[in-house]
C-alpha cells in the first residue's frame, strides 16, 4: 500500500497544487470525535462511499435503508460470522446494488474495522 504522503502529493499534482487540493479535501476530522463513532457507523459510511462510487448517488441514498437491513446494520462482528452463502445471496438481493466486488469489499472492510477497533 502506498504511503499517504505519496498519495497526497500525487493528488495535489493532479489537481493543480496544494492550494487547489485543500478545499476539495474539506476540514481534517477531529480524531477524538471519530474515535467515538461506533464501528457499525464507520463500516456503513465506508460501504456507502464504495457503493456510491461510479453510481448515481441519489439511487444509493434511496436504497440505503435496504443496505442497512441486508448488511445486518453493518455490525462488523456479526458480518464476520456470516457463512459464504450469506455473501453469495447478497449478489441477488434486490434491496441493494448487486455488485459482487463491492459486496466483497464490505466483508473485507468489516474485518479491517474489527481489527483496528
PDB file of N, CA and C in Angstrom:
ATOM      1  N   UNK A   1       0.847  -1.170   0.000  1.00  0.00           N
ATOM      2  CA  UNK A   1       0.000   0.000   0.000  1.00  0.00           C
ATOM      3  C   UNK A   1       0.897   1.239   0.000  1.00  0.00           C
ATOM      4  N   UNK A   2       0.491   2.232  -0.766  1.00  0.00           N
ATOM      5  CA  UNK A   2       1.266   3.466  -0.829  1.00  0.00           C
ATOM      6  C   UNK A   2       1.163   4.256   0.461  1.00  0.00           C
ATOM      7  N   UNK A   3       2.228   4.923   0.812  1.00  0.00           N
ATOM      8  CA  UNK A   3       2.251   5.829   1.939  1.00  0.00           C
ATOM      9  C   UNK A   3       1.301   6.995   1.647  1.00  0.00           C
ATOM     10  N   UNK A   4       0.552   7.453   2.659  1.00  0.00           N
ATOM     11  CA  UNK A   4      -0.425   8.519   2.438  1.00  0.00           C
ATOM     12  C   UNK A   4       0.215   9.789   1.878  1.00  0.00           C
ATOM     13  N   UNK A   5       1.416  10.123   2.317  1.00  0.00           N
ATOM     14  CA  UNK A   5       2.075  11.330   1.814  1.00  0.00           C
ATOM     15  C   UNK A   5       2.294  11.248   0.306  1.00  0.00           C
ATOM     16  N   UNK A   6       2.594  10.066  -0.211  1.00  0.00           N
ATOM     17  CA  UNK A   6       2.768   9.896  -1.650  1.00  0.00           C
ATOM     18  C   UNK A   6       1.429  10.052  -2.375  1.00  0.00           C
ATOM     19  N   UNK A   7       0.389   9.500  -1.796  1.00  0.00           N
ATOM     20  CA  UNK A   7      -0.950   9.630  -2.385  1.00  0.00           C
ATOM     21  C   UNK A   7      -1.365  11.096  -2.397  1.00  0.00           C
ATOM     22  N   UNK A   8      -1.126  11.780  -1.284  1.00  0.00           N
ATOM     23  CA  UNK A   8      -1.473  13.202  -1.166  1.00  0.00           C
ATOM     24  C   UNK A   8      -0.704  14.032  -2.197  1.00  0.00           C
ATOM     25  N   UNK A   9       0.585  13.767  -2.334  1.00  0.00           N
ATOM     26  CA  UNK A   9       1.410  14.505  -3.297  1.00  0.00           C
ATOM     27  C   UNK A   9       0.912  14.266  -4.723  1.00  0.00           C
ATOM     28  N   UNK A  10       0.550  13.042  -5.038  1.00  0.00           N
ATOM     29  CA  UNK A  10       0.027  12.716  -6.367  1.00  0.00           C
ATOM     30  C   UNK A  10      -1.283  13.463  -6.621  1.00  0.00           C
ATOM     31  N   UNK A  11      -2.154  13.492  -5.619  1.00  0.00           N
ATOM     32  CA  UNK A  11      -3.435  14.194  -5.764  1.00  0.00           C
ATOM     33  C   UNK A  11      -3.215  15.690  -5.967  1.00  0.00           C
ATOM     34  N   UNK A  12      -2.303  16.262  -5.198  1.00  0.00           N
ATOM     35  CA  UNK A  12      -2.012  17.698  -5.344  1.00  0.00           C
ATOM     36  C   UNK A  12      -1.494  18.000  -6.744  1.00  0.00           C
ATOM     37  N   UNK A  13      -0.639  17.161  -7.249  1.00  0.00           N
ATOM     38  CA  UNK A  13      -0.095  17.362  -8.594  1.00  0.00           C
ATOM     39  C   UNK A  13      -1.208  17.276  -9.639  1.00  0.00           C
ATOM     40  N   UNK A  14      -2.079  16.298  -9.513  1.00  0.00           N
ATOM     41  CA  UNK A  14      -3.171  16.112 -10.480  1.00  0.00           C
ATOM     42  C   UNK A  14      -4.180  17.249 -10.437  1.00  0.00           C
ATOM     43  N   UNK A  15      -4.411  17.812  -9.252  1.00  0.00           N
ATOM     44  CA  UNK A  15      -5.430  18.850  -9.100  1.00  0.00           C
ATOM     45  C   UNK A  15      -4.901  20.257  -9.316  1.00  0.00           C
ATOM     46  N   UNK A  16      -3.584  20.407  -9.396  1.00  0.00           N
ATOM     47  CA  UNK A  16      -3.034  21.740  -9.645  1.00  0.00           C
ATOM     48  C   UNK A  16      -2.361  22.377  -8.445  1.00  0.00           C
ATOM     49  N   UNK A  17      -2.003  21.587  -7.450  1.00  0.00           N
ATOM     50  CA  UNK A  17      -1.261  22.098  -6.296  1.00  0.00           C
ATOM     51  C   UNK A  17      -2.043  21.997  -4.999  1.00  0.00           C
ATOM     52  N   UNK A  18      -1.322  22.234  -3.914  1.00  0.00           N
ATOM     53  CA  UNK A  18      -1.905  22.151  -2.564  1.00  0.00           C
ATOM     54  C   UNK A  18      -3.067  23.112  -2.374  1.00  0.00           C
ATOM     55  N   UNK A  19      -2.932  24.335  -2.913  1.00  0.00           N
ATOM     56  CA  UNK A  19      -3.969  25.346  -2.718  1.00  0.00           C
ATOM     57  C   UNK A  19      -5.296  24.911  -3.338  1.00  0.00           C
ATOM     58  N   UNK A  20      -5.239  24.159  -4.415  1.00  0.00           N
ATOM     59  CA  UNK A  20      -6.458  23.678  -5.065  1.00  0.00           C
ATOM     60  C   UNK A  20      -6.977  22.424  -4.350  1.00  0.00           C
ATOM     61  N   UNK A  21      -6.079  21.570  -3.912  1.00  0.00           N
ATOM     62  CA  UNK A  21      -6.470  20.316  -3.274  1.00  0.00           C
ATOM     63  C   UNK A  21      -7.097  20.531  -1.896  1.00  0.00           C
ATOM     64  N   UNK A  22      -6.556  21.421  -1.105  1.00  0.00           N
ATOM     65  CA  UNK A  22      -7.004  21.600   0.279  1.00  0.00           C
ATOM     66  C   UNK A  22      -8.515  21.809   0.402  1.00  0.00           C
ATOM     67  N   UNK A  23      -9.124  22.719  -0.357  1.00  0.00           N
ATOM     68  CA  UNK A  23     -10.579  22.891  -0.214  1.00  0.00           C
ATOM     69  C   UNK A  23     -11.383  21.661  -0.667  1.00  0.00           C
ATOM     70  N   UNK A  24     -10.823  20.884  -1.573  1.00  0.00           N
ATOM     71  CA  UNK A  24     -11.515  19.680  -2.029  1.00  0.00           C
ATOM     72  C   UNK A  24     -11.567  18.611  -0.941  1.00  0.00           C
ATOM     73  N   UNK A  25     -10.571  18.593  -0.083  1.00  0.00           N
ATOM     74  CA  UNK A  25     -10.500  17.595   0.986  1.00  0.00           C
ATOM     75  C   UNK A  25     -11.394  17.931   2.164  1.00  0.00           C
ATOM     76  N   UNK A  26     -11.707  19.192   2.335  1.00  0.00           N
ATOM     77  CA  UNK A  26     -12.523  19.593   3.474  1.00  0.00           C
ATOM     78  C   UNK A  26     -11.701  19.640   4.746  1.00  0.00           C
ATOM     79  N   UNK A  27     -12.367  19.923   5.859  1.00  0.00           N
ATOM     80  CA  UNK A  27     -11.636  20.025   7.127  1.00  0.00           C
ATOM     81  C   UNK A  27     -11.135  18.666   7.607  1.00  0.00           C
ATOM     82  N   UNK A  28     -10.022  18.697   8.301  1.00  0.00           N
ATOM     83  CA  UNK A  28      -9.469  17.473   8.887  1.00  0.00           C
ATOM     84  C   UNK A  28     -10.397  17.015  10.008  1.00  0.00           C
ATOM     85  N   UNK A  29     -10.654  15.720  10.104  1.00  0.00           N
ATOM     86  CA  UNK A  29     -11.547  15.232  11.162  1.00  0.00           C
ATOM     87  C   UNK A  29     -10.902  15.353  12.534  1.00  0.00           C
ATOM     88  N   UNK A  30     -11.738  15.499  13.521  1.00  0.00           N
ATOM     89  CA  UNK A  30     -11.292  15.509  14.909  1.00  0.00           C
ATOM     90  C   UNK A  30     -11.145  14.046  15.328  1.00  0.00           C
ATOM     91  N   UNK A  31      -9.912  13.604  15.532  1.00  0.00           N
ATOM     92  CA  UNK A  31      -9.663  12.188  15.824  1.00  0.00           C
ATOM     93  C   UNK A  31     -10.392  11.695  17.066  1.00  0.00           C
ATOM     94  N   UNK A  32     -10.521  12.546  18.081  1.00  0.00           N
ATOM     95  CA  UNK A  32     -11.234  12.130  19.295  1.00  0.00           C
ATOM     96  C   UNK A  32     -12.713  11.914  19.002  1.00  0.00           C
ATOM     97  N   UNK A  33     -13.283  12.770  18.171  1.00  0.00           N
ATOM     98  CA  UNK A  33     -14.697  12.616  17.799  1.00  0.00           C
ATOM     99  C   UNK A  33     -14.892  11.369  16.945  1.00  0.00           C
ATOM    100  N   UNK A  34     -13.978  11.132  16.015  1.00  0.00           N
ATOM    101  CA  UNK A  34     -14.076   9.949  15.153  1.00  0.00           C
ATOM    102  C   UNK A  34     -13.958   8.678  15.991  1.00  0.00           C
ATOM    103  N   UNK A  35     -13.109   8.687  17.003  1.00  0.00           N
ATOM    104  CA  UNK A  35     -12.925   7.506  17.854  1.00  0.00           C
ATOM    105  C   UNK A  35     -14.208   7.132  18.595  1.00  0.00           C
ATOM    106  N   UNK A  36     -15.101   8.091  18.780  1.00  0.00           N
ATOM    107  CA  UNK A  36     -16.364   7.835  19.480  1.00  0.00           C
ATOM    108  C   UNK A  36     -17.455   7.289  18.560  1.00  0.00           C
ATOM    109  N   UNK A  37     -17.217   7.312  17.263  1.00  0.00           N
ATOM    110  CA  UNK A  37     -18.211   6.807  16.310  1.00  0.00           C
ATOM    111  C   UNK A  37     -18.220   5.281  16.387  1.00  0.00           C
ATOM    112  N   UNK A  38     -19.394   4.681  16.559  1.00  0.00           N
ATOM    113  CA  UNK A  38     -19.458   3.213  16.657  1.00  0.00           C
ATOM    114  C   UNK A  38     -18.976   2.530  15.376  1.00  0.00           C
ATOM    115  N   UNK A  39     -18.422   1.341  15.539  1.00  0.00           N
ATOM    116  CA  UNK A  39     -17.870   0.592  14.406  1.00  0.00           C
ATOM    117  C   UNK A  39     -18.883   0.375  13.287  1.00  0.00           C
ATOM    118  N   UNK A  40     -20.159   0.133  13.648  1.00  0.00           N
ATOM    119  CA  UNK A  40     -21.155  -0.115  12.607  1.00  0.00           C
ATOM    120  C   UNK A  40     -21.384   1.122  11.739  1.00  0.00           C
ATOM    121  N   UNK A  41     -21.243   2.310  12.324  1.00  0.00           N
ATOM    122  CA  UNK A  41     -21.431   3.543  11.544  1.00  0.00           C
ATOM    123  C   UNK A  41     -20.204   3.825  10.677  1.00  0.00           C
ATOM    124  N   UNK A  42     -19.038   3.449  11.173  1.00  0.00           N
ATOM    125  CA  UNK A  42     -17.819   3.587  10.357  1.00  0.00           C
ATOM    126  C   UNK A  42     -17.933   2.678   9.142  1.00  0.00           C
ATOM    127  N   UNK A  43     -18.291   1.411   9.361  1.00  0.00           N
ATOM    128  CA  UNK A  43     -18.408   0.463   8.258  1.00  0.00           C
ATOM    129  C   UNK A  43     -19.524   0.871   7.298  1.00  0.00           C
ATOM    130  N   UNK A  44     -20.625   1.373   7.825  1.00  0.00           N
ATOM    131  CA  UNK A  44     -21.720   1.832   6.973  1.00  0.00           C
ATOM    132  C   UNK A  44     -21.264   2.968   6.060  1.00  0.00           C
ATOM    133  N   UNK A  45     -20.520   3.907   6.611  1.00  0.00           N
ATOM    134  CA  UNK A  45     -20.027   5.041   5.826  1.00  0.00           C
ATOM    135  C   UNK A  45     -19.038   4.581   4.756  1.00  0.00           C
ATOM    136  N   UNK A  46     -18.144   3.684   5.125  1.00  0.00           N
ATOM    137  CA  UNK A  46     -17.187   3.142   4.149  1.00  0.00           C
ATOM    138  C   UNK A  46     -17.961   2.483   3.000  1.00  0.00           C
ATOM    139  N   UNK A  47     -18.924   1.642   3.356  1.00  0.00           N
ATOM    140  CA  UNK A  47     -19.693   0.919   2.341  1.00  0.00           C
ATOM    141  C   UNK A  47     -20.492   1.879   1.463  1.00  0.00           C
ATOM    142  N   UNK A  48     -21.080   2.881   2.069  1.00  0.00           N
ATOM    143  CA  UNK A  48     -21.864   3.850   1.289  1.00  0.00           C
ATOM    144  C   UNK A  48     -20.989   4.553   0.256  1.00  0.00           C
ATOM    145  N   UNK A  49     -19.796   4.937   0.652  1.00  0.00           N
ATOM    146  CA  UNK A  49     -18.879   5.599  -0.285  1.00  0.00           C
ATOM    147  C   UNK A  49     -18.460   4.649  -1.411  1.00  0.00           C
ATOM    148  N   UNK A  50     -18.234   3.405  -1.075  1.00  0.00           N
ATOM    149  CA  UNK A  50     -17.831   2.424  -2.086  1.00  0.00           C
ATOM    150  C   UNK A  50     -18.967   2.164  -3.067  1.00  0.00           C
ATOM    151  N   UNK A  51     -20.171   1.953  -2.560  1.00  0.00           N
ATOM    152  CA  UNK A  51     -21.288   1.678  -3.451  1.00  0.00           C
ATOM    153  C   UNK A  51     -21.672   2.903  -4.281  1.00  0.00           C
ATOM    154  N   UNK A  52     -21.451   4.101  -3.753  1.00  0.00           N
ATOM    155  CA  UNK A  52     -21.785   5.311  -4.500  1.00  0.00           C
ATOM    156  C   UNK A  52     -20.762   5.616  -5.594  1.00  0.00           C
ATOM    157  N   UNK A  53     -19.553   5.107  -5.453  1.00  0.00           N
ATOM    158  CA  UNK A  53     -18.508   5.380  -6.442  1.00  0.00           C
ATOM    159  C   UNK A  53     -18.911   4.821  -7.799  1.00  0.00           C
ATOM    160  N   UNK A  54     -18.940   5.696  -8.792  1.00  0.00           N
ATOM    161  CA  UNK A  54     -19.281   5.286 -10.140  1.00  0.00           C
ATOM    162  C   UNK A  54     -20.760   4.995 -10.335  1.00  0.00           C
ATOM    163  N   UNK A  55     -21.586   5.454  -9.421  1.00  0.00           N
ATOM    164  CA  UNK A  55     -23.014   5.178  -9.474  1.00  0.00           C
ATOM    165  C   UNK A  55     -23.759   6.474  -9.183  1.00  0.00           C
ATOM    166  N   UNK A  56     -25.027   6.529  -9.500  1.00  0.00           N
ATOM    167  CA  UNK A  56     -25.839   7.704  -9.182  1.00  0.00           C
ATOM    168  C   UNK A  56     -26.076   7.718  -7.672  1.00  0.00           C
ATOM    169  N   UNK A  57     -25.528   8.710  -6.991  1.00  0.00           N
ATOM    170  CA  UNK A  57     -25.594   8.768  -5.531  1.00  0.00           C
ATOM    171  C   UNK A  57     -27.026   8.756  -5.020  1.00  0.00           C
ATOM    172  N   UNK A  58     -27.921   9.419  -5.736  1.00  0.00           N
ATOM    173  CA  UNK A  58     -29.316   9.507  -5.308  1.00  0.00           C
ATOM    174  C   UNK A  58     -29.930   8.101  -5.187  1.00  0.00           C
ATOM    175  N   UNK A  59     -29.585   7.216  -6.113  1.00  0.00           N
ATOM    176  CA  UNK A  59     -30.096   5.841  -6.063  1.00  0.00           C
ATOM    177  C   UNK A  59     -29.590   5.136  -4.808  1.00  0.00           C
ATOM    178  N   UNK A  60     -28.317   5.317  -4.516  1.00  0.00           N
ATOM    179  CA  UNK A  60     -27.736   4.696  -3.317  1.00  0.00           C
ATOM    180  C   UNK A  60     -28.418   5.242  -2.061  1.00  0.00           C
ATOM    181  N   UNK A  61     -28.614   6.555  -2.006  1.00  0.00           N
ATOM    182  CA  UNK A  61     -29.285   7.157  -0.843  1.00  0.00           C
ATOM    183  C   UNK A  61     -30.693   6.602  -0.665  1.00  0.00           C
ATOM    184  N   UNK A  62     -31.430   6.443  -1.763  1.00  0.00           N
ATOM    185  CA  UNK A  62     -32.794   5.927  -1.685  1.00  0.00           C
ATOM    186  C   UNK A  62     -32.825   4.467  -1.241  1.00  0.00           C
ATOM    187  N   UNK A  63     -31.836   3.709  -1.654  1.00  0.00           N
ATOM    188  CA  UNK A  63     -31.797   2.289  -1.314  1.00  0.00           C
ATOM    189  C   UNK A  63     -31.098   2.020   0.030  1.00  0.00           C
ATOM    190  N   UNK A  64     -30.521   3.050   0.655  1.00  0.00           N
ATOM    191  CA  UNK A  64     -29.678   2.809   1.817  1.00  0.00           C
ATOM    192  C   UNK A  64     -30.371   2.065   2.960  1.00  0.00           C
ATOM    193  N   UNK A  65     -31.647   2.334   3.266  1.00  0.00           N
ATOM    194  CA  UNK A  65     -32.285   1.520   4.322  1.00  0.00           C
ATOM    195  C   UNK A  65     -32.241   0.016   4.001  1.00  0.00           C
ATOM    196  N   UNK A  66     -32.370  -0.330   2.731  1.00  0.00           N
ATOM    197  CA  UNK A  66     -32.252  -1.736   2.333  1.00  0.00           C
ATOM    198  C   UNK A  66     -30.853  -2.279   2.523  1.00  0.00           C
ATOM    199  N   UNK A  67     -29.850  -1.439   2.274  1.00  0.00           N
ATOM    200  CA  UNK A  67     -28.466  -1.833   2.524  1.00  0.00           C
ATOM    201  C   UNK A  67     -28.275  -2.128   4.015  1.00  0.00           C
ATOM    202  N   UNK A  68     -28.809  -1.245   4.858  1.00  0.00           N
ATOM    203  CA  UNK A  68     -28.673  -1.430   6.311  1.00  0.00           C
ATOM    204  C   UNK A  68     -29.273  -2.768   6.738  1.00  0.00           C
ATOM    205  N   UNK A  69     -30.441  -3.118   6.178  1.00  0.00           N
ATOM    206  CA  UNK A  69     -31.074  -4.393   6.504  1.00  0.00           C
ATOM    207  C   UNK A  69     -30.258  -5.569   5.965  1.00  0.00           C
ATOM    208  N   UNK A  70     -29.908  -5.480   4.687  1.00  0.00           N
ATOM    209  CA  UNK A  70     -29.206  -6.597   4.038  1.00  0.00           C
ATOM    210  C   UNK A  70     -27.860  -6.886   4.691  1.00  0.00           C
ATOM    211  N   UNK A  71     -27.172  -5.825   5.123  1.00  0.00           N
ATOM    212  CA  UNK A  71     -25.851  -5.990   5.722  1.00  0.00           C
ATOM    213  C   UNK A  71     -25.908  -5.972   7.256  1.00  0.00           C
ATOM    214  N   UNK A  72     -27.071  -6.365   7.807  1.00  0.00           N
ATOM    215  CA  UNK A  72     -27.223  -6.589   9.255  1.00  0.00           C
ATOM    216  C   UNK A  72     -26.793  -5.392  10.094  1.00  0.00           C
ATOM    217  N   UNK A  73     -27.156  -4.198   9.622  1.00  0.00           N
ATOM    218  CA  UNK A  73     -26.809  -2.991  10.368  1.00  0.00           C
ATOM    219  C   UNK A  73     -25.336  -2.647  10.330  1.00  0.00           C
ATOM    220  N   UNK A  74     -24.602  -3.312   9.464  1.00  0.00           N
ATOM    221  CA  UNK A  74     -23.156  -3.094   9.308  1.00  0.00           C
ATOM    222  C   UNK A  74     -22.375  -3.335  10.591  1.00  0.00           C
ATOM    223  N   UNK A  75     -22.846  -4.254  11.408  1.00  0.00           N
ATOM    224  CA  UNK A  75     -22.115  -4.617  12.622  1.00  0.00           C
ATOM    225  C   UNK A  75     -20.975  -5.552  12.221  1.00  0.00           C
ATOM    226  N   UNK A  76     -19.720  -5.098  12.322  1.00  0.00           N
ATOM    227  CA  UNK A  76     -18.590  -5.890  11.827  1.00  0.00           C
ATOM    228  C   UNK A  76     -18.533  -7.316  12.360  1.00  0.00           C
ATOM    229  N   UNK A  77     -18.626  -7.483  13.658  1.00  0.00           N
ATOM    230  CA  UNK A  77     -18.502  -8.828  14.229  1.00  0.00           C
ATOM    231  C   UNK A  77     -19.623  -9.737  13.729  1.00  0.00           C
ATOM    232  N   UNK A  78     -20.815  -9.222  13.647  1.00  0.00           N
ATOM    233  CA  UNK A  78     -21.953 -10.013  13.161  1.00  0.00           C
ATOM    234  C   UNK A  78     -21.733 -10.432  11.700  1.00  0.00           C
ATOM    235  N   UNK A  79     -21.252  -9.504  10.891  1.00  0.00           N
ATOM    236  CA  UNK A  79     -20.993  -9.816   9.484  1.00  0.00           C
ATOM    237  C   UNK A  79     -19.887 -10.853   9.332  1.00  0.00           C
ATOM    238  N   UNK A  80     -18.880 -10.759  10.172  1.00  0.00           N
ATOM    239  CA  UNK A  80     -17.752 -11.691  10.066  1.00  0.00           C
ATOM    240  C   UNK A  80     -18.134 -13.128  10.405  1.00  0.00           C
ATOM    241  N   UNK A  81     -19.236 -13.306  11.130  1.00  0.00           N
ATOM    242  CA  UNK A  81     -19.695 -14.647  11.471  1.00  0.00           C
ATOM    243  C   UNK A  81     -20.624 -15.241  10.417  1.00  0.00           C
ATOM    244  N   UNK A  82     -20.908 -14.502   9.356  1.00  0.00           N
ATOM    245  CA  UNK A  82     -21.814 -14.994   8.322  1.00  0.00           C
ATOM    246  C   UNK A  82     -21.094 -15.981   7.402  1.00  0.00           C
ATOM    247  N   UNK A  83     -21.804 -17.043   7.020  1.00  0.00           N
ATOM    248  CA  UNK A  83     -21.198 -18.029   6.120  1.00  0.00           C
ATOM    249  C   UNK A  83     -21.085 -17.483   4.693  1.00  0.00           C
ATOM    250  N   UNK A  84     -20.329 -18.172   3.884  1.00  0.00           N
ATOM    251  CA  UNK A  84     -20.150 -17.753   2.488  1.00  0.00           C
ATOM    252  C   UNK A  84     -21.480 -17.621   1.754  1.00  0.00           C
ATOM    253  N   UNK A  85     -22.438 -18.486   2.060  1.00  0.00           N
ATOM    254  CA  UNK A  85     -23.748 -18.417   1.403  1.00  0.00           C
ATOM    255  C   UNK A  85     -24.422 -17.062   1.606  1.00  0.00           C
ATOM    256  N   UNK A  86     -24.287 -16.500   2.776  1.00  0.00           N
ATOM    257  CA  UNK A  86     -24.861 -15.180   3.060  1.00  0.00           C
ATOM    258  C   UNK A  86     -24.343 -14.160   2.052  1.00  0.00           C
ATOM    259  N   UNK A  87     -23.042 -14.172   1.819  1.00  0.00           N
ATOM    260  CA  UNK A  87     -22.417 -13.198   0.925  1.00  0.00           C
ATOM    261  C   UNK A  87     -22.802 -13.450  -0.531  1.00  0.00           C
ATOM    262  N   UNK A  88     -22.900 -14.698  -0.916  1.00  0.00           N
ATOM    263  CA  UNK A  88     -23.297 -15.036  -2.285  1.00  0.00           C
ATOM    264  C   UNK A  88     -24.754 -14.629  -2.547  1.00  0.00           C
ATOM    265  N   UNK A  89     -25.616 -14.816  -1.558  1.00  0.00           N
ATOM    266  CA  UNK A  89     -27.028 -14.453  -1.706  1.00  0.00           C
ATOM    267  C   UNK A  89     -27.219 -12.944  -1.850  1.00  0.00           C
ATOM    268  N   UNK A  90     -26.323 -12.152  -1.283  1.00  0.00           N
ATOM    269  CA  UNK A  90     -26.441 -10.699  -1.423  1.00  0.00           C
ATOM    270  C   UNK A  90     -26.332 -10.257  -2.878  1.00  0.00           C
ATOM    271  N   UNK A  91     -25.653 -11.050  -3.687  1.00  0.00           N
ATOM    272  CA  UNK A  91     -25.498 -10.700  -5.106  1.00  0.00           C
ATOM    273  C   UNK A  91     -26.825 -10.760  -5.859  1.00  0.00           C
ATOM    274  N   UNK A  92     -27.863 -11.318  -5.242  1.00  0.00           N
ATOM    275  CA  UNK A  92     -29.181 -11.331  -5.873  1.00  0.00           C
ATOM    276  C   UNK A  92     -30.238 -10.638  -5.012  1.00  0.00           C
ATOM    277  N   UNK A  93     -29.807  -9.885  -4.018  1.00  0.00           N
ATOM    278  CA  UNK A  93     -30.712  -9.195  -3.099  1.00  0.00           C
ATOM    279  C   UNK A  93     -31.141  -7.861  -3.716  1.00  0.00           C
ATOM    280  N   UNK A  94     -32.428  -7.709  -3.995  1.00  0.00           N
ATOM    281  CA  UNK A  94     -32.929  -6.502  -4.665  1.00  0.00           C
ATOM    282  C   UNK A  94     -32.930  -5.263  -3.769  1.00  0.00           C
ATOM    283  N   UNK A  95     -32.662  -5.423  -2.473  1.00  0.00           N
ATOM    284  CA  UNK A  95     -32.612  -4.258  -1.585  1.00  0.00           C
ATOM    285  C   UNK A  95     -31.354  -3.430  -1.798  1.00  0.00           C
ATOM    286  N   UNK A  96     -30.358  -4.020  -2.451  1.00  0.00           N
ATOM    287  CA  UNK A  96     -29.063  -3.355  -2.612  1.00  0.00           C
ATOM    288  C   UNK A  96     -28.662  -3.325  -4.082  1.00  0.00           C
ATOM    289  N   UNK A  97     -27.577  -2.620  -4.355  1.00  0.00           N
ATOM    290  CA  UNK A  97     -26.945  -2.677  -5.673  1.00  0.00           C
ATOM    291  C   UNK A  97     -26.126  -3.963  -5.679  1.00  0.00           C
ATOM    292  N   UNK A  98     -26.400  -4.816  -6.625  1.00  0.00           N
ATOM    293  CA  UNK A  98     -25.840  -6.174  -6.623  1.00  0.00           C
ATOM    294  C   UNK A  98     -24.528  -6.249  -7.400  1.00  0.00           C
ATOM    295  N   UNK A  99     -23.507  -5.660  -6.823  1.00  0.00           N
ATOM    296  CA  UNK A  99     -22.176  -5.660  -7.427  1.00  0.00           C
ATOM    297  C   UNK A  99     -21.288  -6.563  -6.565  1.00  0.00           C
ATOM    298  N   UNK A 100     -20.908  -7.741  -7.074  1.00  0.00           N
ATOM    299  CA  UNK A 100     -20.162  -8.696  -6.247  1.00  0.00           C
ATOM    300  C   UNK A 100     -18.867  -8.147  -5.653  1.00  0.00           C
ATOM    301  N   UNK A 101     -18.132  -7.340  -6.414  1.00  0.00           N
ATOM    302  CA  UNK A 101     -16.875  -6.788  -5.895  1.00  0.00           C
ATOM    303  C   UNK A 101     -17.143  -5.832  -4.737  1.00  0.00           C
ATOM    304  N   UNK A 102     -18.172  -5.011  -4.872  1.00  0.00           N
ATOM    305  CA  UNK A 102     -18.482  -4.067  -3.793  1.00  0.00           C
ATOM    306  C   UNK A 102     -19.044  -4.793  -2.575  1.00  0.00           C
ATOM    307  N   UNK A 103     -19.821  -5.834  -2.805  1.00  0.00           N
ATOM    308  CA  UNK A 103     -20.320  -6.654  -1.690  1.00  0.00           C
ATOM    309  C   UNK A 103     -19.142  -7.280  -0.949  1.00  0.00           C
ATOM    310  N   UNK A 104     -18.194  -7.817  -1.700  1.00  0.00           N
ATOM    311  CA  UNK A 104     -16.996  -8.417  -1.094  1.00  0.00           C
ATOM    312  C   UNK A 104     -16.211  -7.371  -0.292  1.00  0.00           C
ATOM    313  N   UNK A 105     -16.218  -6.120  -0.742  1.00  0.00           N
ATOM    314  CA  UNK A 105     -15.489  -5.077  -0.020  1.00  0.00           C
ATOM    315  C   UNK A 105     -16.072  -4.850   1.372  1.00  0.00           C
ATOM    316  N   UNK A 106     -17.382  -5.062   1.525  1.00  0.00           N
ATOM    317  CA  UNK A 106     -17.993  -4.904   2.852  1.00  0.00           C
ATOM    318  C   UNK A 106     -17.432  -5.957   3.799  1.00  0.00           C
ATOM    319  N   UNK A 107     -17.303  -7.162   3.324  1.00  0.00           N
ATOM    320  CA  UNK A 107     -16.735  -8.239   4.152  1.00  0.00           C
ATOM    321  C   UNK A 107     -15.287  -7.912   4.527  1.00  0.00           C
ATOM    322  N   UNK A 108     -14.509  -7.493   3.546  1.00  0.00           N
ATOM    323  CA  UNK A 108     -13.094  -7.141   3.793  1.00  0.00           C
ATOM    324  C   UNK A 108     -12.988  -5.968   4.755  1.00  0.00           C
ATOM    325  N   UNK A 109     -13.830  -4.958   4.566  1.00  0.00           N
ATOM    326  CA  UNK A 109     -13.767  -3.787   5.436  1.00  0.00           C
ATOM    327  C   UNK A 109     -14.315  -4.069   6.821  1.00  0.00           C
ATOM    328  N   UNK A 110     -15.246  -5.019   6.945  1.00  0.00           N
ATOM    329  CA  UNK A 110     -15.710  -5.435   8.281  1.00  0.00           C
ATOM    330  C   UNK A 110     -14.533  -6.026   9.060  1.00  0.00           C
ATOM    331  N   UNK A 111     -13.729  -6.812   8.386  1.00  0.00           N
ATOM    332  CA  UNK A 111     -12.543  -7.393   9.034  1.00  0.00           C
ATOM    333  C   UNK A 111     -11.561  -6.293   9.417  1.00  0.00           C
ATOM    334  N   UNK A 112     -11.388  -5.317   8.532  1.00  0.00           N
ATOM    335  CA  UNK A 112     -10.472  -4.208   8.818  1.00  0.00           C
ATOM    336  C   UNK A 112     -10.960  -3.407  10.027  1.00  0.00           C
ATOM    337  N   UNK A 113     -12.239  -3.028  10.030  1.00  0.00           N
ATOM    338  CA  UNK A 113     -12.779  -2.233  11.139  1.00  0.00           C
ATOM    339  C   UNK A 113     -12.676  -3.012  12.438  1.00  0.00           C
ATOM    340  N   UNK A 114     -12.963  -4.290  12.388  1.00  0.00           N
ATOM    341  CA  UNK A 114     -12.866  -5.125  13.595  1.00  0.00           C
ATOM    342  C   UNK A 114     -11.429  -5.184  14.098  1.00  0.00           C
ATOM    343  N   UNK A 115     -10.497  -5.277  13.175  1.00  0.00           N
ATOM    344  CA  UNK A 115      -9.078  -5.394  13.530  1.00  0.00           C
ATOM    345  C   UNK A 115      -8.549  -4.091  14.151  1.00  0.00           C
ATOM    346  N   UNK A 116      -8.967  -2.944  13.669  1.00  0.00           N
ATOM    347  CA  UNK A 116      -8.409  -1.682  14.168  1.00  0.00           C
ATOM    348  C   UNK A 116      -9.176  -1.081  15.334  1.00  0.00           C
ATOM    349  N   UNK A 117     -10.327  -1.657  15.670  1.00  0.00           N
ATOM    350  CA  UNK A 117     -11.095  -1.069  16.780  1.00  0.00           C
ATOM    351  C   UNK A 117     -10.656  -1.595  18.118  1.00  0.00           C
TER     352      UNK A 117
END
